[in-house]
Each structure stands twice: as C-alpha cells, then as structure tokens.
Protein backbone atom coordinates (compact mmCIF):
# COMPACT_ATOMS: atom_id res chain seq x y z
CA LYS A 1 -5.99 28.67 -13.94
CA ARG A 2 -5.79 25.03 -12.87
CA LYS A 3 -2.65 23.69 -11.27
CA ALA A 4 -0.90 20.75 -12.88
CA HIS A 5 -1.63 17.31 -11.51
CA ARG A 6 0.86 16.47 -8.79
CA ALA A 7 1.68 12.80 -8.45
CA ILE A 8 1.74 11.52 -4.89
CA LEU A 9 3.70 8.29 -5.03
CA ARG A 10 2.48 5.46 -2.83
CA PRO A 11 4.90 2.93 -1.42
CA LEU A 12 5.07 -0.29 -3.41
CA ASP A 13 4.14 -3.56 -1.71
CA GLY A 14 6.73 -6.27 -1.03
CA ALA A 15 9.55 -7.44 -3.26
CA ALA A 16 9.89 -6.52 -6.94
CA VAL A 17 8.94 -9.32 -9.35
CA GLN A 18 8.67 -9.60 -13.13
CA HIS A 19 5.15 -11.07 -13.12
CA GLY A 20 2.41 -12.09 -10.74
CA THR A 21 -1.22 -13.14 -10.49
CA LEU A 22 -3.90 -11.86 -8.12
CA THR A 23 -7.47 -13.02 -7.58
CA LEU A 24 -10.55 -11.18 -6.40
CA SER A 25 -13.74 -13.03 -5.53
CA LEU A 26 -15.95 -10.28 -7.02
CA SER A 27 -16.18 -9.01 -10.58
CA PRO A 28 -15.32 -5.32 -10.92
CA PRO A 29 -18.08 -2.78 -11.48
CA SER A 30 -18.44 -1.26 -14.93
CA VAL A 31 -16.83 2.15 -15.40
CA ASN A 32 -20.37 3.43 -15.99
CA ALA A 33 -21.18 2.67 -12.34
CA LEU A 34 -18.05 4.16 -10.71
CA PHE A 35 -18.94 7.84 -10.51
CA ALA A 36 -22.09 9.92 -10.15
CA ASN A 37 -22.77 13.60 -10.64
CA ALA A 38 -22.86 15.64 -7.47
CA ARG A 39 -23.64 19.24 -6.69
CA LYS A 40 -20.02 20.17 -7.27
CA GLY A 41 -18.37 17.82 -9.73
CA ARG A 42 -18.44 14.03 -9.52
CA ARG A 43 -18.12 11.55 -6.67
CA LYS A 44 -17.49 7.83 -6.28
CA THR A 45 -20.68 5.81 -6.02
CA LEU A 46 -21.45 3.72 -2.95
CA ALA A 47 -21.15 0.55 -5.03
CA TYR A 48 -17.65 1.57 -6.18
CA ARG A 49 -16.51 2.55 -2.67
CA ASN A 50 -17.76 -0.81 -1.33
CA TRP A 51 -16.06 -2.77 -4.14
CA ARG A 52 -12.78 -0.89 -3.60
CA ALA A 53 -12.84 -1.58 0.14
CA PHE A 54 -13.50 -5.27 -0.52
CA ALA A 55 -10.80 -5.44 -3.24
CA ASP A 56 -8.24 -3.64 -1.02
CA ARG A 57 -8.91 -6.12 1.78
CA GLU A 58 -8.54 -9.14 -0.54
CA LEU A 59 -5.34 -7.77 -2.13
CA ARG A 60 -3.77 -7.21 1.32
CA GLU A 61 -4.49 -10.86 2.24
CA GLN A 62 -2.45 -12.17 -0.72
CA PRO A 63 1.37 -12.48 -0.78
CA SER A 64 3.24 -9.16 -0.99
CA TRP A 65 4.98 -8.24 -4.27
CA HIS A 66 4.94 -5.51 -6.89
CA VAL A 67 5.90 -5.14 -10.55
CA PRO A 68 8.04 -2.00 -11.02
CA GLY A 69 8.05 0.24 -14.09
CA LYS A 70 5.91 -0.24 -17.18
CA VAL A 71 3.49 -3.17 -17.02
CA ARG A 72 1.10 -5.25 -19.11
CA ILE A 73 -2.12 -6.33 -17.44
CA LEU A 74 -4.60 -9.09 -18.32
CA ILE A 75 -7.93 -8.96 -16.47
CA ARG A 76 -10.03 -12.12 -16.71
CA VAL A 77 -13.57 -11.64 -15.44
CA GLY A 78 -16.13 -14.35 -14.78
CA GLY A 79 -19.83 -13.84 -14.21
CA SER A 80 -20.10 -10.32 -15.62
CA ARG A 81 -22.12 -9.15 -18.59
CA ALA A 82 -20.54 -5.70 -18.75
CA ASP A 83 -18.57 -4.58 -21.80
CA CYS A 84 -14.94 -5.70 -21.46
CA ASP A 85 -13.60 -2.21 -22.12
CA ASN A 86 -15.60 -0.93 -19.12
CA LEU A 87 -14.01 -3.41 -16.69
CA CYS A 88 -10.41 -2.11 -16.65
CA LYS A 89 -10.45 1.06 -14.55
CA ALA A 90 -11.59 -0.32 -11.18
CA PRO A 91 -9.05 -3.18 -10.99
CA ILE A 92 -6.18 -0.94 -12.14
CA ASP A 93 -7.07 1.68 -9.52
CA ALA A 94 -7.16 -1.09 -6.90
CA LEU A 95 -3.70 -2.30 -7.98
CA VAL A 96 -2.29 1.21 -7.56
CA GLY A 97 -4.00 1.61 -4.18
CA ALA A 98 -2.58 -1.72 -2.99
CA GLY A 99 0.96 -0.84 -4.14
CA ARG A 100 1.15 -3.63 -6.74
CA ILE A 101 1.97 -1.13 -9.53
CA GLN A 102 3.36 2.39 -9.12
CA ASP A 103 0.84 4.35 -11.18
CA ASP A 104 -1.83 3.70 -13.79
CA ARG A 105 0.27 5.76 -16.20
CA ASN A 106 2.76 2.86 -16.13
CA VAL A 107 0.24 0.53 -17.80
CA ALA A 108 1.60 0.02 -21.32
CA ASP A 109 -0.96 -2.60 -22.33
CA VAL A 110 -4.25 -3.75 -20.78
CA ARG A 111 -6.64 -6.48 -21.86
CA ALA A 112 -9.93 -7.55 -20.33
CA ILE A 113 -11.67 -10.75 -21.31
CA HIS A 114 -14.78 -12.61 -20.19
CA ASP A 115 -13.71 -16.01 -18.91
CA ASP A 116 -16.38 -18.38 -17.61
CA THR A 117 -13.69 -20.66 -16.16
CA VAL A 118 -12.90 -18.13 -13.39
CA THR A 119 -15.01 -17.04 -10.47
CA GLY A 120 -14.69 -13.33 -9.78
CA THR A 121 -11.59 -11.70 -11.27
CA VAL A 122 -8.07 -12.92 -12.05
CA ILE A 123 -5.48 -10.20 -12.72
CA GLU A 124 -2.15 -11.07 -14.33
CA ILE A 125 0.59 -8.43 -14.25
CA GLU A 126 3.93 -8.62 -16.01
CA ALA A 127 6.76 -6.22 -16.67
CA ALA A 128 6.58 -4.65 -20.13
CA ALA A 129 9.68 -5.05 -22.26
C-alpha cells in the first residue's frame, strides 16, 4: 500500500506581495519533454534539468518577493511553437522551487499564451480573491 503524499514546505522568498512579474530569458520546455521512461519509473530529462537550473538561477537574480495563498498565474511565452497547455508545468514548478509561491496546489487559475512581443517568458502572479 502506498503512503500518502507528504508535503515538504519550502521557505517562501522575500516579502509577501499581492502581485508580481518575473522574466526568464528562455521559453519553457513542453510538458512532453520533461520526463522520460527509465528502468524503474520516470525521470527528469537532461533538457528539463538544464532548463530548471537556468530558471532557478535567473529567478534568484530578480528581486525577492512571494505571493502567499491561492494565486492566479499568466505565462506569456515568446518564440515557442509548443501547445500553450503544455507550457504551464515547468514554470510553475520553478516558481515553487524558487519560493515565489508555496505549492502548485495553490494555483487557482493558470493561463499560457503565445506572445511575440516578449523574448523568453514573462510570468505574472497575483493573489486570487
């Protein structure tokens, strides 16, 4: 019998705010390219591990803040031809890892759009009412 998932809370980054915007110079990988089958289960692909390391580094270089509680997220991606619905997981996981949101279960609403006016990725986070 499997044990229930145990949440390990990460510390949140900086001061609490109601909304904020972050930028990443790279577009996120499609969810189809995040994991690969392994001998026992699944593992993160090299491309995903590299993107996460790059995203974590870029998020740490930006001003410190976090949005507590339930959030709405808008992800604007430039220069990607991937399906919009496949571009949400990687940035949200990076936000959790960087302490900008508490947990991906706190995402009440998420939108991803292709936006040729941006280079890379622009992520807007706001507190959900």
